[in-house]
Amino acid sequence: MNTPSRVVFVTGCSAGFGFRCARALARAGHHVIAGVRSFSVHGQRYAAELKGLRAEGHTVQLVPLDVDHDHSVDTAVRAAMDAFGRIDVLVNTAAYSVLGPLEACRPEQLSAMLDTNVVGALRLFRAVLPIMREQGSGRILQLTSGLGRVVLPFMGVYAASAWAQEAFAEALAYEAAGFGVEVAIVEPAGYRKGGRPRKPVGDTARLSAYSDALIEFGERVNQSEPAGGDPEEVARAIIELVAAEKVPLRTPVGAAAVELLRMRRTMTAEAFEQEIYRRTGLHAVYEDDEEDAEVGAVMTAAEVPSHPPTRGEGG
């Protein structure tokens, strides 16, 4: 099937999903505007690869883009319009994840993440919607997460932003439909490499209380997903959604995301909760803690010294 070339604005192209989507879209014959925030050595390597696509005959234009700032967003969108005169599709991937126990997330760290992941999405929506409304057509593909409708332990901070992104995008889907603008939500699985940039929670002094649970959680995740998945499947899904005649509101991508959302949809709330405890290993950790407490109480009553095992630092 020959897909007409479209002008596609992709955010978050310094790494991860944004870079992969921009590269795949250019190779599929679309005109790509790649928003690049990072000018680190890591970011420059990806930017150089995107620029190198021009030598293969593909259309890629890099623009500086920091979604945390209105002026940067407006300038990048204006540069896209100056170059191509229209924007057919916005692929909004710019985001990062904060991982770890909720208690150990500093409030300012949460605020910064929400400004990028959620308010940044709003800035892009506000910048491109007047253009698409005037065109009478357009498509917005918002990347959220498989955690956009489900919460897992130690991922609550990031899930909060993903849920907010989903709420924004779903509301926008209703509101923009009358202007000929479609909105689709893409829910990727978690990928060990090549997905979203990750930052640990900032209050490391509080992590020791969770060390056993974090170790068990990490081991269970490694056992259940030994290969870590292929982040290129997200880029392939974006290619299909750009080309589709009509897009569904939600598209989970990756076996882990599909399975998690299936469990949430088909299980009772109690059964789902117990399955999460089982799959993450937290039930065993907490049961062990309860057993240690009972043993400690008996030892104290018998006036025998009790020395519970010390917990190592984790996270």
Protein backbone atom coordinates (compact mmCIF):
# COMPACT_ATOMS: atom_id res chain seq x y z
CA MET A 1 0.00 0.00 0.00
CA ASN A 2 1.39 3.39 -0.98
CA THR A 3 0.85 5.90 1.80
CA PRO A 4 0.76 9.59 0.82
CA SER A 5 3.62 11.59 2.30
CA ARG A 6 2.54 13.61 5.30
CA VAL A 7 4.19 16.38 7.29
CA VAL A 8 4.80 14.88 10.72
CA PHE A 9 6.03 16.83 13.73
CA VAL A 10 7.72 14.51 16.26
CA THR A 11 8.69 15.65 19.75
CA GLY A 12 11.27 14.11 22.08
CA CYS A 13 13.72 13.14 19.34
CA SER A 14 16.84 13.47 21.49
CA ALA A 15 16.50 9.76 22.31
CA GLY A 16 14.08 6.91 22.89
CA PHE A 17 10.70 6.67 21.23
CA GLY A 18 10.90 10.09 19.58
CA PHE A 19 14.17 9.32 17.81
CA ARG A 20 12.93 5.89 16.69
CA CYS A 21 9.62 7.26 15.44
CA ALA A 22 11.25 10.13 13.54
CA ARG A 23 13.70 7.77 11.85
CA ALA A 24 10.99 5.26 10.91
CA LEU A 25 8.63 7.95 9.60
CA ALA A 26 11.34 9.50 7.42
CA ARG A 27 12.24 6.10 5.98
CA ALA A 28 8.55 5.52 5.28
CA GLY A 29 8.57 8.60 3.04
CA HIS A 30 7.05 11.23 5.31
CA HIS A 31 8.36 14.76 5.80
CA VAL A 32 9.60 14.83 9.38
CA ILE A 33 10.18 17.75 11.72
CA ALA A 34 12.17 16.35 14.65
CA GLY A 35 12.06 18.31 17.88
CA VAL A 36 15.39 17.92 19.69
CA ARG A 37 15.96 19.13 23.24
CA SER A 38 19.24 17.59 24.33
CA PHE A 39 22.56 18.77 22.96
CA SER A 40 24.59 16.38 25.10
CA VAL A 41 27.00 13.95 23.44
CA HIS A 42 24.26 11.31 23.64
CA GLY A 43 21.67 13.62 22.07
CA GLN A 44 24.07 14.81 19.39
CA ARG A 45 24.66 11.24 18.27
CA TYR A 46 20.96 10.72 17.62
CA ALA A 47 20.65 14.13 15.96
CA ALA A 48 23.55 13.26 13.65
CA GLU A 49 21.87 10.01 12.65
CA LEU A 50 18.63 11.82 11.85
CA LYS A 51 20.53 14.39 9.77
CA GLY A 52 22.28 11.52 8.00
CA LEU A 53 18.92 10.33 6.65
CA ARG A 54 19.00 13.26 4.22
CA ALA A 55 21.87 11.62 2.35
CA GLU A 56 19.52 8.67 1.76
CA GLY A 57 17.00 11.01 0.16
CA HIS A 58 14.68 11.39 3.16
CA THR A 59 13.19 14.67 4.40
CA VAL A 60 14.15 15.41 8.00
CA GLN A 61 14.40 18.85 9.57
CA LEU A 62 15.68 19.19 13.13
CA VAL A 63 14.37 22.03 15.29
CA PRO A 64 15.36 22.94 18.86
CA LEU A 65 12.45 22.08 21.14
CA ASP A 66 12.10 22.24 24.91
CA VAL A 67 8.49 21.42 25.78
CA ASP A 68 8.95 23.02 29.22
CA HIS A 69 8.86 26.48 27.64
CA ASP A 70 6.08 28.16 25.64
CA HIS A 71 8.48 30.18 23.49
CA SER A 72 10.47 27.12 22.45
CA VAL A 73 7.32 25.26 21.45
CA ASP A 74 5.92 28.19 19.49
CA THR A 75 9.24 28.79 17.72
CA ALA A 76 9.59 25.12 16.73
CA VAL A 77 6.05 24.93 15.36
CA ARG A 78 6.57 28.18 13.45
CA ALA A 79 9.75 26.74 11.92
CA ALA A 80 7.80 23.70 10.78
CA MET A 81 5.16 25.90 9.15
CA ASP A 82 7.80 28.05 7.47
CA ALA A 83 9.38 24.91 5.98
CA PHE A 84 6.29 22.97 4.90
CA GLY A 85 3.26 25.24 5.22
CA ARG A 86 1.24 22.63 7.16
CA ILE A 87 1.38 20.02 9.91
CA ASP A 88 -0.60 16.87 9.19
CA VAL A 89 0.39 14.82 12.23
CA LEU A 90 1.78 15.55 15.69
CA VAL A 91 3.54 12.58 17.32
CA ASN A 92 3.97 13.68 20.91
CA THR A 93 6.56 11.50 22.68
CA ALA A 94 8.44 14.04 24.83
CA ALA A 95 8.43 12.67 28.38
CA TYR A 96 10.54 10.86 30.93
CA SER A 97 9.79 8.53 33.81
CA VAL A 98 10.59 8.83 37.51
CA LEU A 99 10.86 5.41 39.13
CA GLY A 100 10.90 4.33 42.76
CA PRO A 101 8.80 4.43 45.94
CA LEU A 102 6.33 7.29 46.12
CA GLU A 103 7.63 8.35 49.53
CA ALA A 104 11.11 8.89 48.11
CA CYS A 105 9.95 11.25 45.34
CA ARG A 106 10.69 14.85 46.22
CA PRO A 107 7.76 17.25 45.51
CA GLU A 108 9.91 19.42 43.23
CA GLN A 109 10.88 16.30 41.27
CA LEU A 110 7.21 15.48 40.67
CA SER A 111 6.49 19.07 39.61
CA ALA A 112 9.33 19.01 37.08
CA MET A 113 8.19 15.71 35.59
CA LEU A 114 4.58 16.88 35.29
CA ASP A 115 5.72 20.09 33.60
CA THR A 116 7.46 18.07 30.90
CA ASN A 117 5.08 15.13 30.52
CA VAL A 118 1.69 16.78 31.04
CA VAL A 119 1.99 20.55 30.69
CA GLY A 120 4.42 19.99 27.83
CA ALA A 121 1.75 17.99 26.02
CA LEU A 122 -0.72 20.82 26.58
CA ARG A 123 1.74 23.32 25.11
CA LEU A 124 2.00 21.22 21.94
CA PHE A 125 -1.76 20.77 21.69
CA ARG A 126 -2.26 24.54 21.96
CA ALA A 127 0.41 25.21 19.33
CA VAL A 128 -0.80 22.79 16.63
CA LEU A 129 -4.58 22.81 17.05
CA PRO A 130 -5.17 26.24 15.47
CA ILE A 131 -3.14 25.07 12.45
CA MET A 132 -5.05 21.81 12.09
CA ARG A 133 -8.38 23.57 12.64
CA GLU A 134 -7.62 25.99 9.81
CA GLN A 135 -6.55 23.05 7.60
CA GLY A 136 -9.77 21.22 8.46
CA SER A 137 -7.75 18.08 9.17
CA GLY A 138 -4.98 16.68 11.34
CA ARG A 139 -4.01 13.84 13.60
CA ILE A 140 -2.46 13.90 17.08
CA LEU A 141 -0.78 10.74 18.36
CA GLN A 142 -0.06 11.02 22.08
CA LEU A 143 2.31 8.47 23.58
CA THR A 144 1.40 7.63 27.15
CA SER A 145 2.19 4.23 28.66
CA GLY A 146 0.82 0.81 29.48
CA LEU A 147 0.64 2.44 32.93
CA GLY A 148 -1.79 5.03 31.58
CA ARG A 149 -4.71 3.04 32.97
CA VAL A 150 -3.00 0.75 35.51
CA VAL A 151 -0.68 1.37 38.47
CA LEU A 152 2.23 -0.82 39.55
CA PRO A 153 4.32 -0.48 42.72
CA PHE A 154 7.35 1.80 42.44
CA MET A 155 5.92 3.30 39.24
CA GLY A 156 3.18 5.42 40.79
CA VAL A 157 4.96 8.72 40.18
CA TYR A 158 5.32 8.08 36.47
CA ALA A 159 1.86 6.50 36.23
CA ALA A 160 0.37 9.72 37.62
CA SER A 161 1.71 11.61 34.60
CA ALA A 162 0.62 8.87 32.19
CA TRP A 163 -2.93 8.91 33.59
CA ALA A 164 -2.99 12.70 33.21
CA GLN A 165 -1.76 12.45 29.62
CA GLU A 166 -4.53 9.95 28.88
CA ALA A 167 -7.16 12.24 30.39
CA PHE A 168 -5.93 15.20 28.34
CA ALA A 169 -5.77 13.21 25.11
CA GLU A 170 -9.18 11.58 25.54
CA ALA A 171 -10.83 14.92 26.31
CA LEU A 172 -9.10 16.42 23.28
CA ALA A 173 -10.34 13.57 21.08
CA TYR A 174 -13.93 14.60 21.83
CA GLU A 175 -13.30 18.32 21.60
CA ALA A 176 -11.26 18.33 18.38
CA ALA A 177 -13.35 15.86 16.36
CA GLY A 178 -15.64 18.61 15.11
CA PHE A 179 -12.66 20.32 13.47
CA GLY A 180 -11.63 17.21 11.52
CA VAL A 181 -8.78 16.47 13.96
CA GLU A 182 -8.31 12.92 15.22
CA VAL A 183 -6.56 12.07 18.49
CA ALA A 184 -5.12 8.66 19.29
CA ILE A 185 -3.46 7.40 22.46
CA VAL A 186 -0.50 5.00 22.12
CA GLU A 187 0.30 2.94 25.23
CA PRO A 188 3.79 1.39 25.00
CA ALA A 189 5.07 -1.32 27.29
CA GLY A 190 8.11 -0.63 29.44
CA TYR A 191 11.35 -1.36 27.60
CA ARG A 192 14.64 -2.02 29.30
CA LYS A 193 16.52 -0.14 26.58
CA GLY A 194 15.49 2.29 23.89
CA GLY A 195 12.30 3.57 25.51
CA ARG A 196 11.70 6.57 27.72
CA PRO A 197 14.54 8.25 29.61
CA ARG A 198 14.38 7.30 33.31
CA LYS A 199 15.32 9.05 36.52
CA PRO A 200 15.35 7.54 40.00
CA VAL A 201 13.36 9.13 42.81
CA GLY A 202 15.41 11.84 44.50
CA ASP A 203 15.21 11.13 48.23
CA THR A 204 17.71 8.28 48.46
CA ALA A 205 17.74 8.36 52.29
CA ARG A 206 14.22 6.91 52.27
CA LEU A 207 14.99 4.02 49.91
CA SER A 208 16.46 1.69 52.53
CA ALA A 209 13.02 0.95 53.98
CA TYR A 210 12.03 -0.48 50.60
CA SER A 211 15.25 -2.33 49.76
CA ASP A 212 13.89 -5.88 50.09
CA ALA A 213 10.78 -5.05 48.10
CA LEU A 214 12.78 -3.29 45.38
CA ILE A 215 15.18 -6.22 45.03
CA GLU A 216 12.33 -8.72 44.81
CA PHE A 217 10.45 -6.51 42.35
CA GLY A 218 13.50 -6.17 40.10
CA GLU A 219 14.13 -9.91 40.12
CA ARG A 220 10.52 -10.69 39.23
CA VAL A 221 10.54 -8.19 36.36
CA ASN A 222 13.76 -9.66 34.97
CA GLN A 223 12.33 -13.18 35.16
CA SER A 224 9.05 -12.26 33.48
CA GLU A 225 10.60 -10.16 30.69
CA PRO A 226 14.06 -11.64 30.04
CA ALA A 227 14.37 -10.09 26.57
CA GLY A 228 13.15 -6.64 27.59
CA GLY A 229 11.03 -6.24 24.45
CA ASP A 230 11.77 -4.38 21.23
CA PRO A 231 11.09 -0.61 21.31
CA GLU A 232 11.03 -0.54 17.51
CA GLU A 233 7.51 -1.99 17.71
CA VAL A 234 6.39 1.42 18.96
CA ALA A 235 7.77 3.09 15.84
CA ARG A 236 6.04 0.47 13.68
CA ALA A 237 2.75 1.17 15.45
CA ILE A 238 3.15 4.90 14.81
CA ILE A 239 3.78 4.24 11.10
CA GLU A 240 0.51 2.27 10.93
CA LEU A 241 -1.45 4.95 12.78
CA VAL A 242 -0.13 7.73 10.54
CA ALA A 243 -1.18 5.74 7.48
CA ALA A 244 -4.53 4.45 8.83
CA GLU A 245 -7.76 5.72 7.31
CA LYS A 246 -9.18 6.06 10.83
CA VAL A 247 -7.45 5.61 14.19
CA PRO A 248 -8.74 3.94 17.35
CA LEU A 249 -8.73 6.00 20.53
CA ARG A 250 -6.24 3.65 22.24
CA THR A 251 -3.54 1.33 20.94
CA PRO A 252 -1.53 -0.71 23.47
CA VAL A 253 1.90 -1.70 22.10
CA GLY A 254 4.02 -4.57 23.40
CA ALA A 255 3.05 -7.87 24.99
CA ALA A 256 3.49 -6.59 28.56
CA ALA A 257 1.18 -3.62 28.03
CA VAL A 258 -1.46 -5.73 26.26
CA GLU A 259 -1.39 -8.34 29.05
CA LEU A 260 -1.53 -5.81 31.87
CA LEU A 261 -4.48 -3.98 30.36
CA ARG A 262 -6.26 -7.28 29.65
CA MET A 263 -5.89 -8.26 33.31
CA ARG A 264 -7.29 -4.91 34.45
CA ARG A 265 -10.23 -5.25 32.08
CA THR A 266 -11.18 -8.87 32.82
CA MET A 267 -10.34 -9.36 36.52
CA THR A 268 -12.23 -8.21 39.57
CA ALA A 269 -10.53 -5.44 41.54
CA GLU A 270 -9.60 -7.86 44.33
CA ALA A 271 -8.23 -10.51 41.96
CA PHE A 272 -6.20 -7.91 40.08
CA GLU A 273 -4.72 -6.56 43.30
CA GLN A 274 -3.68 -10.03 44.44
CA GLU A 275 -2.16 -10.77 41.02
CA ILE A 276 -0.07 -7.61 41.19
CA TYR A 277 1.21 -8.59 44.64
CA ARG A 278 2.07 -12.04 43.30
CA ARG A 279 3.77 -10.90 40.09
CA THR A 280 5.84 -8.23 41.80
CA GLY A 281 6.83 -10.47 44.71
CA LEU A 282 5.64 -7.96 47.30
CA HIS A 283 3.28 -10.43 48.97
CA ALA A 284 6.20 -12.69 49.85
CA VAL A 285 8.27 -9.77 51.14
CA TYR A 286 5.48 -8.47 53.37
CA GLU A 287 4.61 -11.95 54.63
CA ASP A 288 8.27 -12.46 55.57
CA ASP A 289 8.25 -9.13 57.40
CA GLU A 290 5.17 -10.15 59.36
CA GLU A 291 6.80 -13.47 60.28
CA ASP A 292 9.98 -11.70 61.43
CA ALA A 293 7.86 -9.38 63.61
CA GLU A 294 6.05 -12.31 65.22
CA VAL A 295 9.35 -14.09 65.96
CA GLY A 296 10.79 -10.88 67.39
CA ALA A 297 7.80 -10.49 69.75
CA VAL A 298 8.18 -14.04 71.05
CA MET A 299 11.92 -13.60 71.60
CA THR A 300 11.35 -10.35 73.49
CA ALA A 301 8.74 -11.95 75.74
CA ALA A 302 11.21 -14.73 76.57
CA GLU A 303 13.91 -12.13 77.29
CA VAL A 304 16.17 -13.59 74.60
CA PRO A 305 18.14 -11.04 72.49
CA SER A 306 16.73 -10.74 68.95
CA HIS A 307 18.85 -9.53 66.02
CA PRO A 308 16.76 -9.16 62.88
CA PRO A 309 18.75 -9.17 59.64
CA THR A 310 19.85 -5.75 58.44
CA ARG A 311 18.54 -4.54 55.12
CA GLY A 312 20.98 -3.58 52.42
CA GLU A 313 20.71 -0.36 50.49
CA GLY A 314 18.63 -0.73 47.34
CA GLY A 315 17.10 1.14 44.46
